[in-house]
Structures are given as structure tokens and as C-alpha cells.
Amino acid sequence: MKILVVGDGGREHAIAWKLLQSSRVTGVFCAPGNGGTALLAKCCNVPLLSDDFEGLYRFVLTNAIRLVVVGSEVPLAKGITDYFSQYGVLVFGPSQLGAQIEASKTWAKTLMEEAGIPTGRWASFTDAESAYTYVEQQTTPIVVKVDGLAAGKGVTVAMTVEEAQSAIAAGFDGQFGDAGQRLIIEEYLTGREISVLALTDGTTICPLIPVQDHKRIGENDTGANTGGMGVYGPIPWVTAELMRRIQQDILEPAIAQLKQRDITYRGVLYAGLMITPDGEPKVIEFNCRFGDPETQVVLPLLETQLDQLLLACVNGTLAEETITWKPRVAACVVAAAQGYPGHYNKGNLITGIGMGTDPGVMIFHAGTRLNTSTNPPVLVTNGGRVFGVTALGDNFQTAFSLAYSALNTIQFDGIYYRRDIGHQVR
């Protein structure tokens, strides 16, 4: 079968790469894709934006696409699944209503309360003055989040009331567009943060391996929040008992509550969790799609064919599947453009990049573009997070050593990456 992957990040490159390992998959198309997907064998980029639903549908019809896999949250929030479903096209990803679990933090928090899912205390605001008054009455640190989608950059962990007020002003002053016209302010949770991505067909929900992301731009987990600067997994201290509790207390109640709202949620439910010092899992946020860069660690360790699992979610047969894993660990380090998550330049030449000289190393492109106006074509930067280097190993010391060794061979003007990713396990 032929599959269309919608999106242009490192996550979409990893999804396409994994799908092509199945003998059932004859080709993958990425819309719009990136420089890495353009170089992937049996994969073609499609010059269509992820929210051009009409254009994408024409492409699906013309090319006999069997399955559409939506990688990023924006087209899901705009209703891509609903659009294709009305024409009988199979889509992996929740409906527009289901995608509200990421597109509106207020909606998600309300669902958690209704389902009895453990999360931090919170309040929602549509005007700055009420928000200012609220934070003055709270203890710090405190967390300020824009309600809508902000590419992972709409969260401020405010250490002082003044920082919280600055974050409130930024939201209501339009720094995040419409996403910031409602804010939520919530309790600062302490503990160890983990990410659990789970596949679901709307009834059965199966967690994948737990991984740990590094959100802050600076080493020692300092500086501004980003979409993620590196990740590793599976997390060695996450026990089977803790995963059972996450399944029982968080994942299953979320799917049940969605059903209560007449929403059949099919796709990925991503739970960003804080494991408190007393071992309690609490939800920081839910996302409606595969994580980036979490996917770049999860999929290389997945033994079961990805297309098989995605179709089971779409067809409502996930309970019949068994998910198996390679007995190894994986590490991913993200290389970003200078200035990210703020302003950065595009178009810088990238040299020394490939899928890795070691068979255990994979380079998943994110903000790259293949410049075909030169002979031969060259790769240039085209985003804030440019690529991620993933390495497999029998232990984390080996995996991180391979990842950083591969990073040392790649260059572009202004390249930046954290050198302490995985410091918890290295």
C-alpha cells in the first residue's frame, strides 16, 4: 500500500522511515516533507501545505493512497481527519473535537477534572487584569501557558510574580497570536518529567515505551522552553507498576471521558507527566499526536511493523495486536539553529550529514530543505530545530557516545546543541 504522511518535521521523517521498513508499504509520500524525506528511498515530497485539505484529497485520489498519517497537531486541530473521513479515506489521527485535548488547554484540563485524572491545580483567564490579580495571590514558582497551539513555546515557568506577569502580558499582547487570548495558570509540579505516547483505537489504549525529553534550550535544563532538545528511552527507573498506574489512572480514564463526550479518539494520545517525589503520576499536558523528538527514539526501538499498528487503530482492532520492542536503548540529540526558540536564520549550508556511518545511528531531518537549484543539490537549514541524531546501543553510555560522535561530523553556520542530554542516565 501507499501512505501519505502529513507534516514536515523530524517526527514525520521518522514515521516515513519506519513505515518503509514494512514489506506491505510500497511507497510513502510526505506533504510537504523536508530535506531528509526528499532523500529517503521510496519516499517523495509533495509540495502541498498540511492544511491544504482539498489539494491533499486530490493527491490521495490521484495516487491511490490507502492511509493518511497526520504527524503534526495543526492540521488535526483544523479538522483534517473529519475532512478526509467524509470521503471514506482512512486517517490516523483524532477528529477536530478530539484534537481539542491539545488545541485548548482549558478544554483538556476540564476533561481531566471530569475524568478524575490527577493534574496540577489551575485556573483559566481571558483578560490580563484577572490573571495579574490571581498570580499575586499565589506562591511561586508558577506556570503560565497560552491556551492554544504555540509549537511548544507557549509555556513559562515563572520563578517570580513579575515573571508571571510578563508572561501574561506577552500572551494577551499577541505574541502568540490567537493562541494567547486565553491563558491558564497552574500549579508548578515538582518531580521527574516523562513522556508516554499511547496508541488507541478509541476503546483500547496501548502505551509505548516511556521516554524523557529535555524541553529547555540551555544545559542544566535552563533557559526558554522549546519543542524539545533531546530525548532518551526507555527510562530505566520507570517500573512496570508505575506504567500500570499510568494506564489505569490516566490513559484509560481519558479515553473513557472522551467517549462520554461522544468522541471516538483514534490515533496517538501523548501524556506529558510529572512523577512527583512520592511516586504519583500527574498530567502536565496531553497532546493529540506523536511527539517530536520522542518519536525519533520510540520508533527505532519498535519491533512490530508500524503500518500494522496504525491500521489497527483506524480499524478499531488494536486489542488484537501485540507490540514488541528491540532489547536496546535509544538516545536522540537535537541540533538547532542559532537563536532558536527566538529568531533564527534559514538557508545555511549543511555539510557532513547522512543517515549515519554506524548502522545504529539515524539522522532525522526537521528544519532542512533540499536546494535543487544547485548541481548537485545541497541541504540547507529551513527551521529552528534542524535535525536530530538518534543512536541505538546496549546501554545509554554507548548510545549517547554514538549520537554525539555523529553530531561532531555535521556542520552548518550557527549550529547549536545541548551537550548534556541524558545527563540523568549517562
Protein backbone atom coordinates (compact mmCIF):
# COMPACT_ATOMS: atom_id res chain seq x y z
CA MET A 1 0.00 0.00 0.00
CA LYS A 2 0.93 3.67 -0.40
CA ILE A 3 0.77 6.05 2.56
CA LEU A 4 0.65 9.83 2.83
CA VAL A 5 2.38 11.39 5.87
CA VAL A 6 1.25 14.94 6.60
CA GLY A 7 3.88 17.22 8.15
CA ASP A 8 7.46 18.39 7.75
CA GLY A 9 9.35 17.69 10.99
CA GLY A 10 11.76 15.15 12.40
CA ARG A 11 8.78 13.17 13.65
CA GLU A 12 7.41 12.84 10.10
CA HIS A 13 10.82 11.78 8.77
CA ALA A 14 10.97 9.07 11.45
CA ILE A 15 7.40 7.93 10.67
CA ALA A 16 8.12 7.68 6.94
CA TRP A 17 11.41 5.85 7.60
CA LYS A 18 9.70 3.34 9.88
CA LEU A 19 6.74 2.74 7.56
CA LEU A 20 9.09 1.93 4.68
CA GLN A 21 10.56 -0.96 6.67
CA SER A 22 7.31 -2.88 6.12
CA SER A 23 7.08 -5.17 3.10
CA ARG A 24 3.44 -4.10 2.73
CA VAL A 25 4.35 -0.46 2.14
CA THR A 26 5.29 0.21 -1.49
CA GLY A 27 5.76 3.95 -1.14
CA VAL A 28 5.42 6.90 1.20
CA PHE A 29 4.62 10.50 0.28
CA CYS A 30 5.28 13.41 2.67
CA ALA A 31 3.38 16.67 2.46
CA PRO A 32 5.27 18.91 2.49
CA GLY A 33 8.17 16.87 3.94
CA ASN A 34 11.73 18.12 4.37
CA GLY A 35 15.25 17.59 3.06
CA GLY A 36 15.55 14.23 4.77
CA THR A 37 12.31 12.78 3.42
CA ALA A 38 13.33 14.03 -0.05
CA LEU A 39 16.42 11.79 0.15
CA LEU A 40 14.63 8.74 1.60
CA ALA A 41 14.35 5.80 -0.82
CA LYS A 42 10.74 5.10 -1.95
CA CYS A 43 9.64 8.41 -0.42
CA CYS A 44 8.59 11.54 -2.31
CA ASN A 45 7.82 15.01 -1.06
CA VAL A 46 4.53 16.59 -2.13
CA PRO A 47 4.54 20.41 -2.46
CA LEU A 48 1.31 20.86 -0.52
CA LEU A 49 0.82 22.51 2.86
CA SER A 50 -0.52 20.39 5.70
CA ASP A 51 -3.73 22.46 5.90
CA ASP A 52 -4.48 22.36 2.15
CA PHE A 53 -7.15 19.71 2.66
CA GLU A 54 -8.62 19.98 -0.83
CA GLY A 55 -5.24 19.66 -2.50
CA LEU A 56 -4.25 16.75 -0.29
CA TYR A 57 -7.52 14.96 -1.04
CA ARG A 58 -6.97 15.32 -4.80
CA PHE A 59 -3.50 13.87 -4.33
CA VAL A 60 -4.87 10.93 -2.32
CA LEU A 61 -7.39 10.14 -5.08
CA THR A 62 -4.89 10.51 -7.92
CA ASN A 63 -2.23 8.34 -6.28
CA ALA A 64 -4.45 5.61 -4.75
CA ILE A 65 -3.29 6.37 -1.19
CA ARG A 66 -4.65 3.83 1.28
CA LEU A 67 -3.80 5.55 4.57
CA VAL A 68 -3.16 9.15 5.65
CA VAL A 69 -0.97 9.58 8.74
CA VAL A 70 -1.16 13.04 10.28
CA GLY A 71 2.06 13.91 12.07
CA SER A 72 1.52 17.40 13.43
CA GLU A 73 -1.13 18.97 15.62
CA VAL A 74 -2.13 21.95 13.47
CA PRO A 75 -3.97 20.06 10.68
CA LEU A 76 -5.62 17.84 13.31
CA ALA A 77 -6.87 20.91 15.17
CA LYS A 78 -8.18 22.31 11.88
CA GLY A 79 -10.17 19.14 11.18
CA ILE A 80 -8.16 17.19 8.59
CA THR A 81 -9.46 13.84 9.88
CA ASP A 82 -13.08 14.97 9.62
CA TYR A 83 -12.46 16.29 6.08
CA PHE A 84 -10.97 13.04 4.77
CA SER A 85 -13.33 10.78 6.69
CA GLN A 86 -16.37 12.26 4.94
CA TYR A 87 -14.93 10.86 1.69
CA GLY A 88 -14.13 7.45 3.18
CA VAL A 89 -10.36 7.99 3.37
CA LEU A 90 -8.60 6.17 6.23
CA VAL A 91 -6.86 8.66 8.52
CA PHE A 92 -4.64 8.01 11.53
CA GLY A 93 -5.32 10.89 13.89
CA PRO A 94 -8.20 12.12 16.05
CA SER A 95 -11.12 14.25 14.90
CA GLN A 96 -11.15 18.01 15.33
CA LEU A 97 -13.12 17.59 18.55
CA GLY A 98 -10.65 15.02 19.87
CA ALA A 99 -7.70 17.23 18.92
CA GLN A 100 -9.02 19.84 21.37
CA ILE A 101 -7.17 17.84 24.02
CA GLU A 102 -4.06 19.65 22.72
CA ALA A 103 -5.54 22.65 20.92
CA SER A 104 -7.15 24.03 24.10
CA LYS A 105 -5.53 23.55 27.46
CA THR A 106 -8.72 24.72 29.17
CA TRP A 107 -10.69 22.03 27.34
CA ALA A 108 -8.11 19.41 28.31
CA LYS A 109 -7.99 20.46 31.97
CA THR A 110 -11.77 20.36 32.18
CA LEU A 111 -11.76 16.84 30.72
CA MET A 112 -9.17 15.77 33.29
CA GLU A 113 -11.29 17.12 36.12
CA GLU A 114 -14.38 15.32 34.83
CA ALA A 115 -12.43 12.06 34.49
CA GLY A 116 -10.71 12.32 37.88
CA ILE A 117 -7.27 12.36 36.23
CA PRO A 118 -4.53 13.66 38.57
CA THR A 119 -3.14 17.03 37.43
CA GLY A 120 -2.00 20.32 38.93
CA ARG A 121 -4.35 22.99 40.27
CA TRP A 122 -5.28 25.50 37.58
CA ALA A 123 -7.37 28.49 36.57
CA SER A 124 -8.29 29.92 33.15
CA PHE A 125 -8.32 33.61 32.15
CA THR A 126 -9.48 35.71 29.21
CA ASP A 127 -8.23 39.08 30.47
CA ALA A 128 -4.90 40.25 31.84
CA GLU A 129 -6.15 42.05 34.94
CA SER A 130 -7.84 38.97 36.39
CA ALA A 131 -4.71 36.93 35.67
CA TYR A 132 -2.46 39.53 37.34
CA THR A 133 -4.65 39.51 40.45
CA TYR A 134 -4.61 35.71 40.58
CA VAL A 135 -0.82 35.31 40.43
CA GLU A 136 -0.37 37.94 43.14
CA GLN A 137 -2.31 35.62 45.45
CA GLN A 138 -0.26 32.50 44.58
CA THR A 139 3.14 31.19 45.60
CA THR A 140 5.95 30.89 43.08
CA PRO A 141 7.21 29.15 41.01
CA ILE A 142 4.01 29.11 38.96
CA VAL A 143 3.32 28.10 35.36
CA VAL A 144 1.71 30.32 32.73
CA LYS A 145 0.52 28.67 29.50
CA VAL A 146 -1.21 30.02 26.43
CA ASP A 147 -4.42 28.07 25.84
CA GLY A 148 -3.88 27.32 22.15
CA LEU A 149 -1.17 25.84 19.94
CA ALA A 150 2.23 27.53 20.17
CA ALA A 151 4.68 24.91 18.80
CA GLY A 152 5.85 24.02 22.31
CA LYS A 153 6.92 27.59 23.08
CA GLY A 154 3.85 28.97 24.90
CA VAL A 155 4.83 27.84 28.41
CA THR A 156 6.58 29.97 31.03
CA VAL A 157 7.79 28.59 34.33
CA ALA A 158 7.76 31.84 36.30
CA MET A 159 10.07 31.93 39.32
CA THR A 160 8.66 35.29 40.47
CA VAL A 161 5.33 37.12 40.29
CA GLU A 162 7.00 39.64 37.96
CA GLU A 163 7.98 36.87 35.51
CA ALA A 164 4.43 35.52 35.61
CA GLN A 165 3.04 38.99 34.87
CA SER A 166 5.43 39.37 31.93
CA ALA A 167 4.24 36.02 30.52
CA ILE A 168 0.62 37.11 30.96
CA ALA A 169 1.31 40.37 29.14
CA ALA A 170 3.06 38.53 26.29
CA GLY A 171 0.05 36.30 25.80
CA PHE A 172 -2.60 38.99 25.78
CA ASP A 173 -0.41 41.39 23.77
CA GLY A 174 -0.49 38.97 20.85
CA GLN A 175 2.98 37.41 20.99
CA PHE A 176 1.38 34.01 20.33
CA GLY A 177 -1.47 35.24 18.14
CA ASP A 178 -4.92 33.86 18.87
CA ALA A 179 -3.36 31.06 20.94
CA GLY A 180 -2.61 33.54 23.73
CA GLN A 181 -6.02 35.21 24.00
CA ARG A 182 -6.86 32.74 26.76
CA LEU A 183 -4.29 31.69 29.36
CA ILE A 184 -4.21 29.07 32.02
CA ILE A 185 -2.15 29.48 35.17
CA GLU A 186 -1.34 26.32 37.04
CA GLU A 187 0.47 24.84 39.95
CA TYR A 188 4.18 24.19 39.49
CA LEU A 189 4.67 20.44 39.87
CA THR A 190 7.95 19.01 41.13
CA GLY A 191 9.47 15.63 40.41
CA ARG A 192 10.70 13.85 37.30
CA GLU A 193 9.08 14.53 33.95
CA ILE A 194 8.37 11.76 31.46
CA SER A 195 6.54 11.36 28.16
CA VAL A 196 4.24 8.42 27.45
CA LEU A 197 2.88 8.10 23.92
CA ALA A 198 -0.03 5.70 23.60
CA LEU A 199 -1.80 4.23 20.57
CA THR A 200 -5.57 3.99 20.72
CA ASP A 201 -8.49 2.93 18.54
CA GLY A 202 -10.96 4.72 20.78
CA THR A 203 -11.55 1.74 23.06
CA THR A 204 -8.22 0.01 23.62
CA ILE A 205 -5.22 2.16 24.56
CA CYS A 206 -1.66 0.79 24.48
CA PRO A 207 1.21 2.84 25.93
CA LEU A 208 4.53 2.80 24.12
CA ILE A 209 7.86 2.90 25.95
CA PRO A 210 8.31 5.79 28.42
CA VAL A 211 10.88 8.39 27.34
CA GLN A 212 12.36 11.56 28.81
CA ASP A 213 12.51 14.81 26.83
CA HIS A 214 14.63 17.88 27.55
CA LYS A 215 12.48 20.96 26.92
CA ARG A 216 14.80 23.79 27.92
CA ILE A 217 17.18 25.36 25.41
CA GLY A 218 20.10 25.58 27.85
CA GLU A 219 22.24 22.99 29.55
CA ASN A 220 21.33 22.01 33.11
CA ASP A 221 17.70 22.49 31.99
CA THR A 222 17.88 26.30 31.91
CA GLY A 223 16.51 28.94 29.58
CA ALA A 224 13.40 29.11 27.44
CA ASN A 225 11.12 26.19 26.70
CA THR A 226 11.42 24.65 23.23
CA GLY A 227 9.76 21.88 21.28
CA GLY A 228 12.43 19.54 22.71
CA MET A 229 16.24 19.44 22.51
CA GLY A 230 16.80 15.72 23.03
CA VAL A 231 15.29 12.56 24.41
CA TYR A 232 16.18 9.05 25.54
CA GLY A 233 14.33 5.87 26.34
CA PRO A 234 13.16 3.64 27.71
CA ILE A 235 13.55 5.33 31.10
CA PRO A 236 15.26 2.79 33.38
CA TRP A 237 13.58 3.89 36.62
CA VAL A 238 10.01 3.70 35.26
CA THR A 239 8.74 0.39 36.63
CA ALA A 240 6.01 -1.90 35.34
CA GLU A 241 3.93 -0.90 38.36
CA LEU A 242 4.24 2.80 37.52
CA MET A 243 3.21 2.09 33.90
CA ARG A 244 0.21 0.13 35.21
CA ARG A 245 -0.84 3.14 37.27
CA ILE A 246 -0.42 5.48 34.29
CA GLN A 247 -2.59 3.14 32.23
CA GLN A 248 -5.24 2.75 34.93
CA ASP A 249 -5.35 6.27 36.38
CA ILE A 250 -4.63 8.42 33.33
CA LEU A 251 -4.84 6.80 29.88
CA GLU A 252 -7.95 4.67 30.29
CA PRO A 253 -9.96 7.39 32.10
CA ALA A 254 -9.05 9.89 29.36
CA ILE A 255 -10.36 7.60 26.60
CA ALA A 256 -13.47 6.81 28.65
CA GLN A 257 -14.18 10.50 29.20
CA LEU A 258 -13.70 11.24 25.50
CA LYS A 259 -16.24 8.50 24.78
CA GLN A 260 -18.57 10.09 27.34
CA ARG A 261 -18.38 13.21 25.16
CA ASP A 262 -19.28 11.09 22.08
CA ILE A 263 -15.73 11.37 20.73
CA THR A 264 -14.15 8.21 19.29
CA TYR A 265 -10.48 9.09 19.62
CA ARG A 266 -8.24 7.18 17.18
CA GLY A 267 -4.57 7.97 16.94
CA VAL A 268 -1.91 8.90 19.49
CA LEU A 269 -2.66 10.20 22.96
CA TYR A 270 0.56 11.72 24.26
CA ALA A 271 0.71 12.25 28.02
CA GLY A 272 3.33 14.61 29.37
CA LEU A 273 3.64 13.53 33.01
CA MET A 274 5.32 14.61 36.22
CA ILE A 275 6.20 11.80 38.60
CA THR A 276 6.06 13.51 41.99
CA PRO A 277 8.60 12.77 44.75
CA ASP A 278 6.13 10.35 46.35
CA GLY A 279 5.75 8.43 43.07
CA GLU A 280 2.39 9.84 41.96
CA PRO A 281 1.94 10.41 38.19
CA LYS A 282 0.26 13.72 37.34
CA VAL A 283 -0.59 15.08 33.90
CA ILE A 284 1.23 18.22 32.78
CA GLU A 285 -0.39 18.17 29.34
CA PHE A 286 -1.98 15.96 26.73
CA ASN A 287 -1.05 16.09 23.04
CA CYS A 288 -3.00 14.63 20.13
CA ARG A 289 -0.11 13.28 18.01
CA PHE A 290 3.29 11.65 18.09
CA GLY A 291 5.84 13.73 20.00
CA ASP A 292 8.85 15.39 18.42
CA PRO A 293 11.60 14.39 19.25
CA GLU A 294 10.12 11.48 21.26
CA THR A 295 9.11 9.67 18.06
CA GLN A 296 12.75 9.65 16.92
CA VAL A 297 13.57 7.39 19.90
CA VAL A 298 10.38 5.35 20.14
CA LEU A 299 10.11 4.19 16.52
CA PRO A 300 13.71 2.96 16.08
CA LEU A 301 13.14 0.68 19.11
CA LEU A 302 9.77 -0.61 17.85
CA GLU A 303 9.92 -4.20 16.58
CA THR A 304 6.30 -4.50 15.43
CA GLN A 305 5.58 -3.06 11.98
CA LEU A 306 4.24 0.49 12.30
CA ASP A 307 1.74 0.27 9.43
CA GLN A 308 0.14 -2.75 11.11
CA LEU A 309 -0.43 -0.82 14.34
CA LEU A 310 -1.70 2.34 12.67
CA LEU A 311 -4.24 0.40 10.61
CA ALA A 312 -5.38 -1.44 13.75
CA CYS A 313 -6.07 1.93 15.40
CA VAL A 314 -8.02 3.18 12.40
CA ASN A 315 -9.99 -0.07 12.02
CA GLY A 316 -10.77 -0.49 15.72
CA THR A 317 -8.80 -3.74 16.13
CA LEU A 318 -5.92 -2.64 18.37
CA ALA A 319 -6.88 -5.19 21.05
CA GLU A 320 -5.79 -7.94 18.64
CA GLU A 321 -2.23 -6.59 18.33
CA THR A 322 0.89 -7.32 20.36
CA ILE A 323 3.55 -4.60 20.49
CA THR A 324 7.15 -5.83 20.75
CA TRP A 325 10.39 -3.90 21.28
CA LYS A 326 14.08 -4.30 20.50
CA PRO A 327 16.08 -5.11 23.65
CA ARG A 328 18.16 -1.93 23.36
CA VAL A 329 18.08 1.73 24.38
CA ALA A 330 17.99 4.85 22.22
CA ALA A 331 19.23 8.42 22.53
CA CYS A 332 18.44 11.46 20.37
CA VAL A 333 20.18 14.85 20.40
CA VAL A 334 18.65 17.78 18.51
CA ALA A 335 20.76 20.31 16.59
CA ALA A 336 19.14 23.74 16.37
CA ALA A 337 19.77 26.99 14.55
CA GLN A 338 21.43 29.81 16.47
CA GLY A 339 18.76 31.95 18.12
CA TYR A 340 16.11 29.23 18.43
CA PRO A 341 13.48 29.32 20.03
CA GLY A 342 13.60 33.01 19.10
CA HIS A 343 14.65 34.48 15.76
CA TYR A 344 16.97 32.38 13.60
CA ASN A 345 18.29 32.42 10.03
CA LYS A 346 17.43 29.95 7.29
CA GLY A 347 19.32 28.86 4.19
CA ASN A 348 22.67 27.94 5.78
CA LEU A 349 24.56 25.16 4.02
CA ILE A 350 24.67 21.82 5.89
CA THR A 351 27.69 19.57 5.38
CA GLY A 352 28.60 16.10 6.63
CA ILE A 353 25.00 14.93 7.08
CA GLY A 354 23.68 11.48 6.19
CA MET A 355 21.80 8.64 7.86
CA GLY A 356 24.89 7.89 9.92
CA THR A 357 28.01 5.85 9.26
CA ASP A 358 27.26 3.44 12.11
CA PRO A 359 24.30 1.12 11.48
CA GLY A 360 22.96 2.11 14.90
CA VAL A 361 22.85 5.83 14.04
CA MET A 362 19.97 7.58 12.26
CA ILE A 363 19.71 11.27 11.38
CA PHE A 364 16.15 12.52 11.23
CA HIS A 365 15.76 15.85 9.46
CA ALA A 366 13.39 18.54 10.74
CA GLY A 367 14.18 22.08 9.58
CA THR A 368 16.06 21.17 6.41
CA ARG A 369 15.40 21.74 2.71
CA LEU A 370 16.97 20.16 -0.37
CA ASN A 371 18.10 23.02 -2.60
CA THR A 372 17.72 21.61 -6.12
CA SER A 373 18.82 24.83 -7.85
CA THR A 374 22.45 23.79 -7.39
CA ASN A 375 24.29 20.95 -9.12
CA PRO A 376 24.48 18.71 -7.24
CA PRO A 377 21.59 19.61 -4.88
CA VAL A 378 22.61 20.62 -1.36
CA LEU A 379 20.94 20.59 2.03
CA VAL A 380 20.27 23.90 3.77
CA THR A 381 18.68 24.86 7.07
CA ASN A 382 14.97 25.68 6.99
CA GLY A 383 13.78 25.78 10.61
CA GLY A 384 14.64 26.24 14.27
CA ARG A 385 15.25 22.60 15.12
CA VAL A 386 17.29 21.44 12.13
CA PHE A 387 17.77 17.71 12.73
CA GLY A 388 18.09 15.08 15.44
CA VAL A 389 20.72 12.39 15.71
CA THR A 390 19.36 9.12 17.11
CA ALA A 391 21.61 6.26 18.18
CA LEU A 392 20.86 2.79 19.49
CA GLY A 393 23.03 0.95 21.97
CA ASP A 394 23.12 -1.82 24.53
CA ASN A 395 23.42 0.91 27.18
CA PHE A 396 22.97 4.68 27.35
CA GLN A 397 26.71 5.42 27.52
CA THR A 398 27.16 3.74 24.13
CA ALA A 399 24.04 5.30 22.60
CA PHE A 400 24.96 8.85 23.61
CA SER A 401 28.59 8.37 22.58
CA LEU A 402 27.45 7.33 19.09
CA ALA A 403 24.98 10.22 18.85
CA TYR A 404 27.48 12.89 19.85
CA SER A 405 30.21 11.39 17.63
CA ALA A 406 27.86 11.63 14.64
CA LEU A 407 26.93 15.22 15.58
CA ASN A 408 30.60 16.20 15.53
CA THR A 409 30.81 15.36 11.81
CA ILE A 410 27.94 17.69 10.79
CA GLN A 411 28.29 21.44 10.36
CA PHE A 412 26.24 24.50 9.47
CA ASP A 413 26.71 28.13 10.43
CA GLY A 414 25.39 28.69 13.95
CA ILE A 415 24.81 25.03 14.85
CA TYR A 416 23.78 24.62 18.49
CA TYR A 417 23.02 21.57 20.58
CA ARG A 418 22.98 20.72 24.25
CA ARG A 419 25.92 18.58 25.35
CA ASP A 420 24.21 17.27 28.49
CA ILE A 421 21.22 15.41 27.00
CA GLY A 422 20.66 12.26 29.06
CA HIS A 423 22.76 13.50 31.97
CA GLN A 424 20.34 11.57 34.23
CA VAL A 425 21.46 8.20 32.83
CA ARG A 426 24.91 8.78 31.38
